[in-house]
Protein backbone atom coordinates (compact mmCIF):
# COMPACT_ATOMS: atom_id res chain seq x y z
CA UNK A 1 -65.08 36.19 -22.04
CA UNK A 2 -68.82 35.47 -21.97
CA UNK A 3 -70.77 34.06 -19.09
CA UNK A 4 -71.10 30.64 -20.81
CA UNK A 5 -67.36 30.36 -21.31
CA UNK A 6 -66.71 31.35 -17.70
CA UNK A 7 -69.21 28.78 -16.49
CA UNK A 8 -67.65 26.08 -18.67
CA UNK A 9 -64.19 26.96 -17.34
CA UNK A 10 -65.30 26.62 -13.74
CA UNK A 11 -67.11 23.40 -14.52
CA UNK A 12 -63.92 22.02 -16.07
CA UNK A 13 -61.88 23.02 -13.03
CA UNK A 14 -64.43 21.47 -10.71
CA UNK A 15 -64.53 18.27 -12.76
CA UNK A 16 -60.69 18.04 -12.72
CA UNK A 17 -60.56 18.59 -8.97
CA UNK A 18 -63.28 15.98 -8.44
CA UNK A 19 -61.36 13.51 -10.61
CA UNK A 20 -58.17 14.17 -8.63
CA UNK A 21 -60.03 13.54 -5.37
CA UNK A 22 -61.46 10.31 -6.74
CA UNK A 23 -58.00 9.20 -7.94
CA UNK A 24 -56.41 10.01 -4.59
CA UNK A 25 -59.19 8.22 -2.74
CA UNK A 26 -58.80 5.17 -4.99
CA UNK A 27 -55.00 5.13 -4.53
CA UNK A 28 -55.33 5.38 -0.77
CA UNK A 29 -57.86 2.57 -0.78
CA UNK A 30 -55.53 0.42 -2.86
CA UNK A 31 -52.58 1.35 -0.65
CA UNK A 32 -54.56 0.39 2.45
CA UNK A 33 -55.55 -2.87 0.80
CA UNK A 34 -51.93 -3.46 -0.27
CA UNK A 35 -50.59 -2.69 3.20
CA UNK A 36 -53.15 -4.96 4.79
CA UNK A 37 -52.11 -7.81 2.53
CA UNK A 38 -48.32 -7.31 2.35
CA UNK A 39 -47.57 -4.83 5.10
CA UNK A 40 -46.44 -1.22 4.85
CA UNK A 41 -43.66 -0.15 2.49
CA UNK A 42 -40.14 0.18 3.85
CA UNK A 43 -37.18 2.05 2.37
CA UNK A 44 -34.17 -0.18 1.73
CA UNK A 45 -30.71 0.32 0.24
CA UNK A 46 -29.75 -1.65 -2.87
CA UNK A 47 -26.57 -1.87 -4.92
CA UNK A 48 -26.46 0.17 -8.15
CA UNK A 49 -23.62 -2.05 -9.43
CA UNK A 50 -21.81 -5.27 -8.65
CA UNK A 51 -19.62 -4.88 -5.55
CA UNK A 52 -16.71 -7.26 -5.22
CA UNK A 53 -15.74 -8.92 -1.96
CA UNK A 54 -13.54 -6.78 0.32
CA UNK A 55 -14.24 -3.66 -1.74
CA UNK A 56 -14.94 -0.38 0.00
CA UNK A 57 -18.51 0.87 -0.44
CA UNK A 58 -19.07 4.45 -1.65
CA UNK A 59 -22.32 6.41 -1.93
CA UNK A 60 -22.14 6.26 -5.75
CA UNK A 61 -22.65 2.49 -5.53
CA UNK A 62 -25.94 2.75 -3.64
CA UNK A 63 -29.55 3.81 -4.14
CA UNK A 64 -32.82 3.39 -2.24
CA UNK A 65 -36.16 1.84 -3.17
CA UNK A 66 -39.34 0.85 -1.33
CA UNK A 67 -40.28 -2.74 -0.65
CA UNK A 68 -43.16 -4.30 1.31
CA UNK A 69 -41.97 -4.69 4.86
CA UNK A 70 -43.18 -8.30 4.85
CA UNK A 71 -40.52 -9.14 2.26
CA UNK A 72 -37.70 -7.09 3.79
CA UNK A 73 -35.10 -8.70 6.04
CA UNK A 74 -34.98 -7.21 9.53
CA UNK A 75 -31.23 -6.67 9.07
CA UNK A 76 -31.67 -4.70 5.82
CA UNK A 77 -29.98 -1.30 5.60
CA UNK A 78 -32.39 1.65 5.24
CA UNK A 79 -29.98 4.61 5.27
CA UNK A 80 -27.00 4.59 2.86
CA UNK A 81 -25.03 7.02 5.05
CA UNK A 82 -24.78 4.30 7.69
CA UNK A 83 -22.68 2.00 5.49
CA UNK A 84 -20.62 4.33 3.31
CA UNK A 85 -16.98 3.42 3.95
CA UNK A 86 -17.73 -0.13 5.06
CA UNK A 87 -16.28 -3.15 3.26
CA UNK A 88 -18.26 -5.86 1.50
CA UNK A 89 -17.72 -9.15 3.33
CA UNK A 90 -19.22 -11.10 0.40
CA UNK A 91 -19.83 -10.30 -3.28
CA UNK A 92 -22.96 -8.14 -3.72
CA UNK A 93 -24.91 -8.21 -7.00
CA UNK A 94 -26.52 -5.23 -8.70
CA UNK A 95 -30.05 -4.65 -7.35
CA UNK A 96 -29.41 -6.74 -4.23
CA UNK A 97 -30.65 -5.38 -0.89
CA UNK A 98 -27.75 -4.69 1.45
CA UNK A 99 -27.90 -6.29 4.87
CA UNK A 100 -25.68 -5.44 7.81
CA UNK A 101 -24.26 -8.93 8.28
CA UNK A 102 -22.74 -8.79 4.78
CA UNK A 103 -20.66 -5.71 5.65
CA UNK A 104 -17.52 -5.15 7.69
CA UNK A 105 -16.34 -2.03 9.50
CA UNK A 106 -12.89 -0.92 8.27
CA UNK A 107 -10.19 -2.25 10.55
CA UNK A 108 -8.26 -5.42 11.32
CA UNK A 109 -11.22 -7.58 10.28
CA UNK A 110 -11.09 -6.34 6.71
CA UNK A 111 -7.41 -7.17 6.28
CA UNK A 112 -5.27 -6.46 3.22
CA UNK A 113 -4.57 -9.95 1.90
CA UNK A 114 -6.62 -9.43 -1.27
CA UNK A 115 -4.74 -6.21 -2.01
CA UNK A 116 -1.36 -7.95 -2.15
CA UNK A 117 -0.22 -8.71 -5.69
CA UNK A 118 0.38 -12.39 -6.53
CA UNK A 119 3.94 -13.54 -5.73
CA UNK A 120 4.39 -10.55 -3.39
CA UNK A 121 4.42 -10.37 0.40
CA UNK A 122 3.32 -7.77 2.95
CA UNK A 123 5.85 -6.79 5.58
CA UNK A 124 5.62 -4.17 8.33
CA UNK A 125 8.37 -1.67 9.13
CA UNK A 126 8.54 0.50 12.29
CA UNK A 127 8.72 4.23 11.58
CA UNK A 128 8.87 7.54 13.40
CA UNK A 129 8.83 11.20 12.34
CA UNK A 130 12.42 11.09 11.05
CA UNK A 131 12.49 7.67 9.40
CA UNK A 132 8.92 7.89 8.09
CA UNK A 133 8.86 11.29 6.31
CA UNK A 134 7.23 13.03 9.31
CA UNK A 135 4.48 10.38 9.14
CA UNK A 136 3.05 11.98 6.00
CA UNK A 137 3.02 8.62 4.20
CA UNK A 138 -0.45 7.35 3.33
CA UNK A 139 -1.74 4.03 1.96
CA UNK A 140 -1.27 3.89 -1.79
CA UNK A 141 1.90 6.02 -1.73
CA UNK A 142 5.15 4.70 -3.19
CA UNK A 143 8.43 4.87 -1.32
CA UNK A 144 12.09 3.90 -1.52
CA UNK A 145 13.61 2.00 1.40
CA UNK A 146 17.15 2.73 2.56
CA UNK A 147 19.20 0.92 5.19
CA UNK A 148 22.29 1.94 7.19
CA UNK A 149 24.48 -1.11 7.78
CA UNK A 150 27.61 -1.33 9.93
CA UNK A 151 30.42 -3.44 8.44
CA UNK A 152 33.85 -4.44 9.67
CA UNK A 153 35.13 -4.72 13.23
CA UNK A 154 37.20 -2.61 15.57
CA UNK A 155 39.05 0.26 13.94
CA UNK A 156 37.96 -1.07 10.58
CA UNK A 157 34.23 -0.72 11.38
CA UNK A 158 32.34 1.70 9.17
CA UNK A 159 28.74 2.51 8.31
CA UNK A 160 27.40 2.25 4.77
CA UNK A 161 23.99 3.36 3.48
CA UNK A 162 22.35 1.44 0.64
CA UNK A 163 19.04 1.90 -1.20
CA UNK A 164 17.55 -1.57 -0.77
CA UNK A 165 14.18 -1.20 -2.53
CA UNK A 166 12.72 1.29 -5.00
CA UNK A 167 9.14 2.12 -6.02
CA UNK A 168 7.58 0.11 -3.19
CA UNK A 169 3.80 0.42 -2.72
CA UNK A 170 2.50 1.22 0.77
CA UNK A 171 -0.39 -1.05 1.70
CA UNK A 172 -1.18 0.40 5.11
CA UNK A 173 -0.15 3.11 7.56
CA UNK A 174 -0.95 1.66 10.95
CA UNK A 175 -4.48 0.26 10.56
CA UNK A 176 -5.40 2.65 7.75
CA UNK A 177 -5.41 0.53 4.60
CA UNK A 178 -5.72 1.14 0.86
CA UNK A 179 -9.18 1.54 -0.76
CA UNK A 180 -10.57 2.53 2.60
CA UNK A 181 -12.48 5.60 3.71
CA UNK A 182 -9.95 7.24 6.08
CA UNK A 183 -11.61 6.53 9.39
CA UNK A 184 -11.44 4.06 12.23
CA UNK A 185 -13.80 3.15 15.05
CA UNK A 186 -12.71 2.85 18.67
CA UNK A 187 -14.56 2.20 21.92
CA UNK A 188 -14.99 5.18 24.18
CA UNK A 189 -13.93 5.30 27.83
CA UNK A 190 -17.08 3.45 28.89
CA UNK A 191 -16.21 0.56 26.59
CA UNK A 192 -19.76 0.45 25.22
CA UNK A 193 -20.02 3.05 22.47
CA UNK A 194 -18.04 3.31 19.25
CA UNK A 195 -16.48 6.64 18.35
CA UNK A 196 -15.35 7.49 14.84
CA UNK A 197 -11.83 8.88 14.37
CA UNK A 198 -10.75 10.45 11.08
CA UNK A 199 -7.45 9.16 9.75
CA UNK A 200 -6.92 11.84 7.10
CA UNK A 201 -4.38 13.61 9.27
CA UNK A 202 -3.51 10.66 11.49
CA UNK A 203 0.06 10.70 12.77
CA UNK A 204 -0.42 8.22 15.61
CA UNK A 205 0.64 5.23 13.59
CA UNK A 206 4.08 3.75 14.26
CA UNK A 207 4.31 1.19 11.45
CA UNK A 208 4.16 1.10 7.67
CA UNK A 209 3.15 -2.05 5.78
CA UNK A 210 4.69 -2.37 2.32
CA UNK A 211 4.58 -4.87 -0.53
CA UNK A 212 7.79 -6.72 -1.41
CA UNK A 213 9.05 -9.82 -3.15
CA UNK A 214 10.01 -12.78 -1.00
CA UNK A 215 13.75 -12.02 -1.35
CA UNK A 216 13.19 -8.33 -0.55
CA UNK A 217 11.15 -9.29 2.51
CA UNK A 218 13.96 -11.61 3.57
CA UNK A 219 16.51 -8.79 3.30
CA UNK A 220 14.25 -6.47 5.30
CA UNK A 221 13.84 -9.08 8.03
CA UNK A 222 17.64 -9.31 8.31
CA UNK A 223 17.91 -5.54 8.82
CA UNK A 224 14.95 -5.50 11.22
CA UNK A 225 16.44 -8.32 13.28
CA UNK A 226 19.85 -6.65 13.59
CA UNK A 227 19.18 -2.91 13.54
CA UNK A 228 15.48 -2.01 13.18
CA UNK A 229 16.22 1.68 13.73
CA UNK A 230 18.47 1.84 10.69
CA UNK A 231 15.72 1.65 8.05
CA UNK A 232 14.58 4.90 6.42
CA UNK A 233 11.81 5.69 3.91
CA UNK A 234 11.80 8.33 1.19
CA UNK A 235 8.52 9.36 -0.45
CA UNK A 236 8.17 9.29 -4.25
CA UNK A 237 5.97 11.28 -6.61
CA UNK A 238 3.09 8.97 -7.63
CA UNK A 239 3.86 9.58 -11.31
CA UNK A 240 7.55 8.72 -10.91
CA UNK A 241 7.83 5.02 -11.68
CA UNK A 242 11.45 5.00 -12.85
CA UNK A 243 13.79 2.53 -11.16
CA UNK A 244 17.44 3.42 -11.88
CA UNK A 245 20.22 0.84 -11.52
CA UNK A 246 21.39 -0.03 -8.03
CA UNK A 247 23.18 2.95 -6.53
CA UNK A 248 26.63 2.65 -4.96
CA UNK A 249 26.73 2.69 -1.18
CA UNK A 250 27.34 5.89 0.76
CA UNK A 251 29.97 6.06 3.50
CA UNK A 252 31.98 8.74 5.30
CA UNK A 253 34.58 8.62 2.54
CA UNK A 254 32.09 9.02 -0.32
CA UNK A 255 30.19 11.79 1.48
CA UNK A 256 33.41 13.75 2.10
CA UNK A 257 34.74 13.01 -1.37
CA UNK A 258 37.76 11.07 -0.13
CA UNK A 259 39.13 8.01 -1.91
CA UNK A 260 37.76 4.92 -0.26
CA UNK A 261 40.47 2.60 1.06
CA UNK A 262 39.55 -0.55 2.88
CA UNK A 263 41.78 -1.47 5.82
CA UNK A 264 40.63 -5.04 5.53
CA UNK A 265 42.09 -5.49 2.05
CA UNK A 266 45.43 -7.34 2.35
CA UNK A 267 48.46 -5.80 0.67
CA UNK A 268 49.44 -7.38 -2.60
CA UNK A 269 52.93 -8.89 -2.22
CA UNK A 270 55.54 -7.53 -4.64
CA UNK A 271 57.44 -10.22 -6.47
CA UNK A 272 61.25 -9.97 -6.17
CA UNK A 273 63.15 -9.03 -9.34
CA UNK A 274 64.11 -11.91 -11.50
CA UNK A 275 67.89 -12.30 -11.76
CA UNK A 276 68.99 -13.97 -14.97
CA UNK A 277 71.93 -16.35 -14.50
CA UNK A 278 75.11 -15.16 -16.22
CA UNK A 279 76.88 -17.38 -18.75
CA UNK A 280 80.28 -18.71 -17.56
CA UNK A 281 83.38 -16.98 -19.00
CA UNK A 282 85.10 -18.93 -21.80
CA UNK A 283 88.20 -20.85 -20.75
CA UNK A 284 91.58 -20.07 -22.33
CA UNK A 285 93.17 -22.77 -24.53
CA UNK A 286 95.97 -24.73 -22.75
CA UNK A 287 99.56 -23.83 -23.69
CA UNK A 288 101.68 -26.75 -24.94
CA UNK A 289 105.00 -27.32 -23.09
CA UNK A 290 108.28 -26.36 -24.83
CA UNK A 291 111.23 -28.70 -25.35
CA UNK A 292 114.72 -27.34 -26.13
CA UNK A 293 113.26 -24.06 -27.03
CA UNK A 294 111.02 -25.55 -29.64
CA UNK A 295 107.31 -26.13 -29.48
CA UNK A 296 106.23 -29.69 -29.49
CA UNK A 297 104.10 -30.33 -32.50
């Protein structure tokens, strides 16, 4: 490479660097002018898609942009990690800046009313390790509900087990609800600071909330009001949606394979044999009296 070409190369590099400096200086001047007029830029979180009311917010729904601080609400969210797992208190449109007063922390305030299917009801059942599948049931699971009912009185009393409901959806396990990041917030011992508790392996809950029809809820209330400890849950595979016909009840006789005889069933009276009346014997014809050894004609 000749000296002229080398000189031209260095001149080109110098000119490019000078242009870059001028461009940077101009951009800084414009930025200073812009900040003076509208304030400095502030990072805010916006919605990447429409978020329905009471829907849990995930990181895939959010993104960040910069806006002039003069036009940003003081309550605007700047870090998406702060609100992942919260619930939208109001509908949020795509591109809308998220503000803290439009969000709810998962818990009793969020509720589950919008997750209940129309014409269905939510009802809560007490559970423990034995009756609640070792407390491995989670919101969104499906269960069958069985009840042990005592019938009869005295020596005729017996216990029967019946599958009351099949393929029932679990709406909540304690305060852990469906469509919710598995966590809950509680006040610490000072009563001032919130501490986050993961509910992924939570076994502290003592109730299960399920979805049922009004008649099913009525039947469950009857069992709960008479023998709340006699309700048991069995966990289903999520892909098993079959509901077989109502199963016969189980009792000591059916478990042991003995014929079931109810002591309360009255004996059927046996009708006495029907005796047919006998026909009377035919009477003999009267004998005519004799006169002088001859028959009277």
